[in-house]
């Protein structure tokens, strides 16, 4: 029987003050404490090129499930009102987040177009176009 993860919470104050965590993770925790609603598209629109490069380096590892990647994914899910209930859901959402990091990086290089308004961890957004190759 798989454990139900929805009963766990994130202590944003601890995340924001933990110096062992990436700056972008701490900044995001602070932002969510100030404004609890944030879409994935808003996050990526506001992230600096430097922070995006740091995240890209995190997900380019063979095992892209670093504590920061998992924590950012879960914080951003919850900021959209999406609660992961299983390890499988968390893994799937970390994979999606990692893919979005790569897509935004490619967009900033002018290789693809990203539709930030369609980025979401919610299942209802699954049919919307998020990225397209530029000709």
C-alpha atoms as a PDB file:
ATOM      1  CA  UNK A   1       0.000   0.000   0.000  1.00  0.00           C
ATOM      2  CA  UNK A   2       1.436   3.358  -1.065  1.00  0.00           C
ATOM      3  CA  UNK A   3       1.698   6.161   1.477  1.00  0.00           C
ATOM      4  CA  UNK A   4      -0.626   9.163   1.059  1.00  0.00           C
ATOM      5  CA  UNK A   5       1.602  12.240   0.832  1.00  0.00           C
ATOM      6  CA  UNK A   6      -1.241  14.790   0.930  1.00  0.00           C
ATOM      7  CA  UNK A   7      -1.089  14.853   4.731  1.00  0.00           C
ATOM      8  CA  UNK A   8       2.364  16.453   4.681  1.00  0.00           C
ATOM      9  CA  UNK A   9       2.920  20.193   4.688  1.00  0.00           C
ATOM     10  CA  UNK A  10       5.784  22.461   3.689  1.00  0.00           C
ATOM     11  CA  UNK A  11       7.231  24.779   6.312  1.00  0.00           C
ATOM     12  CA  UNK A  12       7.955  27.747   4.050  1.00  0.00           C
ATOM     13  CA  UNK A  13       9.680  29.735   6.806  1.00  0.00           C
ATOM     14  CA  UNK A  14      12.226  26.952   7.286  1.00  0.00           C
ATOM     15  CA  UNK A  15      12.740  26.634   3.537  1.00  0.00           C
ATOM     16  CA  UNK A  16      13.261  30.389   3.197  1.00  0.00           C
ATOM     17  CA  UNK A  17      15.922  30.442   5.921  1.00  0.00           C
ATOM     18  CA  UNK A  18      17.798  27.212   5.088  1.00  0.00           C
ATOM     19  CA  UNK A  19      21.166  28.211   3.597  1.00  0.00           C
ATOM     20  CA  UNK A  20      21.776  24.654   2.353  1.00  0.00           C
ATOM     21  CA  UNK A  21      18.978  25.139  -0.189  1.00  0.00           C
ATOM     22  CA  UNK A  22      19.397  26.964  -3.508  1.00  0.00           C
ATOM     23  CA  UNK A  23      18.670  30.693  -3.476  1.00  0.00           C
ATOM     24  CA  UNK A  24      15.868  30.295  -6.055  1.00  0.00           C
ATOM     25  CA  UNK A  25      14.151  27.770  -3.783  1.00  0.00           C
ATOM     26  CA  UNK A  26      14.398  30.132  -0.790  1.00  0.00           C
ATOM     27  CA  UNK A  27      13.184  33.091  -2.870  1.00  0.00           C
ATOM     28  CA  UNK A  28      10.232  31.071  -4.143  1.00  0.00           C
ATOM     29  CA  UNK A  29       9.307  30.072  -0.581  1.00  0.00           C
ATOM     30  CA  UNK A  30       9.353  33.758   0.398  1.00  0.00           C
ATOM     31  CA  UNK A  31       7.251  34.710  -2.629  1.00  0.00           C
ATOM     32  CA  UNK A  32       4.652  32.042  -1.843  1.00  0.00           C
ATOM     33  CA  UNK A  33       4.479  33.172   1.792  1.00  0.00           C
ATOM     34  CA  UNK A  34       3.668  36.695   0.561  1.00  0.00           C
ATOM     35  CA  UNK A  35       1.263  35.565  -2.163  1.00  0.00           C
ATOM     36  CA  UNK A  36       0.116  31.926  -1.802  1.00  0.00           C
ATOM     37  CA  UNK A  37      -1.144  31.660  -5.396  1.00  0.00           C
ATOM     38  CA  UNK A  38       1.429  31.360  -8.170  1.00  0.00           C
ATOM     39  CA  UNK A  39       1.196  29.609 -11.505  1.00  0.00           C
ATOM     40  CA  UNK A  40       4.057  27.688 -13.022  1.00  0.00           C
ATOM     41  CA  UNK A  41       4.050  30.154 -15.919  1.00  0.00           C
ATOM     42  CA  UNK A  42       4.402  33.105 -13.525  1.00  0.00           C
ATOM     43  CA  UNK A  43       7.333  31.394 -11.841  1.00  0.00           C
ATOM     44  CA  UNK A  44       9.163  30.925 -15.123  1.00  0.00           C
ATOM     45  CA  UNK A  45       8.348  34.404 -16.440  1.00  0.00           C
ATOM     46  CA  UNK A  46       9.917  35.944 -13.333  1.00  0.00           C
ATOM     47  CA  UNK A  47      12.957  33.707 -12.928  1.00  0.00           C
ATOM     48  CA  UNK A  48      16.331  35.221 -13.829  1.00  0.00           C
ATOM     49  CA  UNK A  49      18.574  33.717 -16.500  1.00  0.00           C
ATOM     50  CA  UNK A  50      21.096  32.914 -13.778  1.00  0.00           C
ATOM     51  CA  UNK A  51      18.555  31.038 -11.630  1.00  0.00           C
ATOM     52  CA  UNK A  52      17.258  29.220 -14.705  1.00  0.00           C
ATOM     53  CA  UNK A  53      20.819  28.102 -15.491  1.00  0.00           C
ATOM     54  CA  UNK A  54      21.205  26.830 -11.915  1.00  0.00           C
ATOM     55  CA  UNK A  55      17.972  24.827 -12.217  1.00  0.00           C
ATOM     56  CA  UNK A  56      18.986  23.518 -15.635  1.00  0.00           C
ATOM     57  CA  UNK A  57      22.258  22.267 -14.142  1.00  0.00           C
ATOM     58  CA  UNK A  58      20.246  20.555 -11.390  1.00  0.00           C
ATOM     59  CA  UNK A  59      18.017  18.654 -13.819  1.00  0.00           C
ATOM     60  CA  UNK A  60      20.795  17.750 -16.254  1.00  0.00           C
ATOM     61  CA  UNK A  61      22.204  15.288 -13.729  1.00  0.00           C
ATOM     62  CA  UNK A  62      21.405  11.647 -14.375  1.00  0.00           C
ATOM     63  CA  UNK A  63      19.291  11.690 -11.218  1.00  0.00           C
ATOM     64  CA  UNK A  64      17.431  15.012 -11.488  1.00  0.00           C
ATOM     65  CA  UNK A  65      15.540  14.439  -8.249  1.00  0.00           C
ATOM     66  CA  UNK A  66      17.585  16.745  -6.058  1.00  0.00           C
ATOM     67  CA  UNK A  67      16.009  18.063  -2.880  1.00  0.00           C
ATOM     68  CA  UNK A  68      15.664  21.502  -4.468  1.00  0.00           C
ATOM     69  CA  UNK A  69      13.945  20.154  -7.576  1.00  0.00           C
ATOM     70  CA  UNK A  70      11.498  18.131  -5.509  1.00  0.00           C
ATOM     71  CA  UNK A  71      10.875  20.970  -3.061  1.00  0.00           C
ATOM     72  CA  UNK A  72      10.358  23.575  -5.812  1.00  0.00           C
ATOM     73  CA  UNK A  73       8.005  21.227  -7.635  1.00  0.00           C
ATOM     74  CA  UNK A  74       5.890  20.627  -4.552  1.00  0.00           C
ATOM     75  CA  UNK A  75       5.829  24.292  -3.538  1.00  0.00           C
ATOM     76  CA  UNK A  76       4.728  25.324  -7.030  1.00  0.00           C
ATOM     77  CA  UNK A  77       2.131  22.544  -7.167  1.00  0.00           C
ATOM     78  CA  UNK A  78       0.618  23.705  -3.905  1.00  0.00           C
ATOM     79  CA  UNK A  79       0.737  27.335  -5.066  1.00  0.00           C
ATOM     80  CA  UNK A  80      -1.563  26.182  -7.906  1.00  0.00           C
ATOM     81  CA  UNK A  81      -3.759  24.247  -5.492  1.00  0.00           C
ATOM     82  CA  UNK A  82      -2.501  20.837  -6.636  1.00  0.00           C
ATOM     83  CA  UNK A  83      -1.616  18.366  -3.879  1.00  0.00           C
ATOM     84  CA  UNK A  84       0.501  15.302  -4.627  1.00  0.00           C
ATOM     85  CA  UNK A  85      -0.948  12.223  -2.989  1.00  0.00           C
ATOM     86  CA  UNK A  86       1.646   9.604  -3.898  1.00  0.00           C
ATOM     87  CA  UNK A  87       5.321   9.134  -4.660  1.00  0.00           C
ATOM     88  CA  UNK A  88       4.301   8.394  -8.253  1.00  0.00           C
ATOM     89  CA  UNK A  89       2.539  11.753  -8.589  1.00  0.00           C
ATOM     90  CA  UNK A  90       5.533  13.546  -7.131  1.00  0.00           C
ATOM     91  CA  UNK A  91       7.891  11.778  -9.539  1.00  0.00           C
ATOM     92  CA  UNK A  92       5.647  12.601 -12.493  1.00  0.00           C
ATOM     93  CA  UNK A  93       5.432  16.273 -11.501  1.00  0.00           C
ATOM     94  CA  UNK A  94       9.188  16.523 -10.923  1.00  0.00           C
ATOM     95  CA  UNK A  95       9.629  15.141 -14.442  1.00  0.00           C
ATOM     96  CA  UNK A  96       7.211  17.719 -15.841  1.00  0.00           C
ATOM     97  CA  UNK A  97       8.927  20.539 -13.935  1.00  0.00           C
ATOM     98  CA  UNK A  98      12.319  19.379 -15.223  1.00  0.00           C
ATOM     99  CA  UNK A  99      10.992  19.341 -18.777  1.00  0.00           C
ATOM    100  CA  UNK A 100       9.594  22.876 -18.349  1.00  0.00           C
ATOM    101  CA  UNK A 101      12.987  24.081 -17.102  1.00  0.00           C
ATOM    102  CA  UNK A 102      14.554  22.727 -20.283  1.00  0.00           C
ATOM    103  CA  UNK A 103      11.824  24.224 -22.491  1.00  0.00           C
ATOM    104  CA  UNK A 104      12.132  27.696 -20.918  1.00  0.00           C
ATOM    105  CA  UNK A 105      15.895  27.520 -21.359  1.00  0.00           C
ATOM    106  CA  UNK A 106      15.427  26.685 -25.054  1.00  0.00           C
ATOM    107  CA  UNK A 107      12.900  29.516 -25.387  1.00  0.00           C
ATOM    108  CA  UNK A 108      15.344  32.038 -23.973  1.00  0.00           C
ATOM    109  CA  UNK A 109      17.844  30.874 -26.607  1.00  0.00           C
ATOM    110  CA  UNK A 110      15.241  31.518 -29.314  1.00  0.00           C
ATOM    111  CA  UNK A 111      14.805  27.871 -30.293  1.00  0.00           C
ATOM    112  CA  UNK A 112      11.209  27.310 -29.164  1.00  0.00           C
ATOM    113  CA  UNK A 113       8.158  29.308 -28.164  1.00  0.00           C
ATOM    114  CA  UNK A 114       6.729  28.692 -24.697  1.00  0.00           C
ATOM    115  CA  UNK A 115       3.080  29.345 -23.834  1.00  0.00           C
ATOM    116  CA  UNK A 116       3.496  30.288 -20.182  1.00  0.00           C
ATOM    117  CA  UNK A 117      -0.259  30.640 -19.683  1.00  0.00           C
ATOM    118  CA  UNK A 118      -0.661  26.918 -20.464  1.00  0.00           C
ATOM    119  CA  UNK A 119       1.943  25.677 -17.978  1.00  0.00           C
ATOM    120  CA  UNK A 120       0.328  23.908 -15.052  1.00  0.00           C
ATOM    121  CA  UNK A 121       0.624  20.913 -12.789  1.00  0.00           C
ATOM    122  CA  UNK A 122      -3.149  20.434 -12.986  1.00  0.00           C
ATOM    123  CA  UNK A 123      -4.430  17.533 -15.050  1.00  0.00           C
ATOM    124  CA  UNK A 124      -6.961  19.763 -16.803  1.00  0.00           C
ATOM    125  CA  UNK A 125      -4.138  21.596 -18.588  1.00  0.00           C
ATOM    126  CA  UNK A 126      -2.702  18.425 -20.157  1.00  0.00           C
ATOM    127  CA  UNK A 127      -4.277  19.004 -23.566  1.00  0.00           C
ATOM    128  CA  UNK A 128      -2.961  22.545 -24.063  1.00  0.00           C
ATOM    129  CA  UNK A 129       0.063  23.432 -26.156  1.00  0.00           C
ATOM    130  CA  UNK A 130       2.962  24.435 -23.914  1.00  0.00           C
ATOM    131  CA  UNK A 131       5.932  24.576 -26.291  1.00  0.00           C
ATOM    132  CA  UNK A 132       6.453  24.627 -30.040  1.00  0.00           C
ATOM    133  CA  UNK A 133       9.560  24.530 -32.187  1.00  0.00           C
ATOM    134  CA  UNK A 134      10.350  27.711 -34.073  1.00  0.00           C
ATOM    135  CA  UNK A 135      11.014  27.331 -37.786  1.00  0.00           C
END
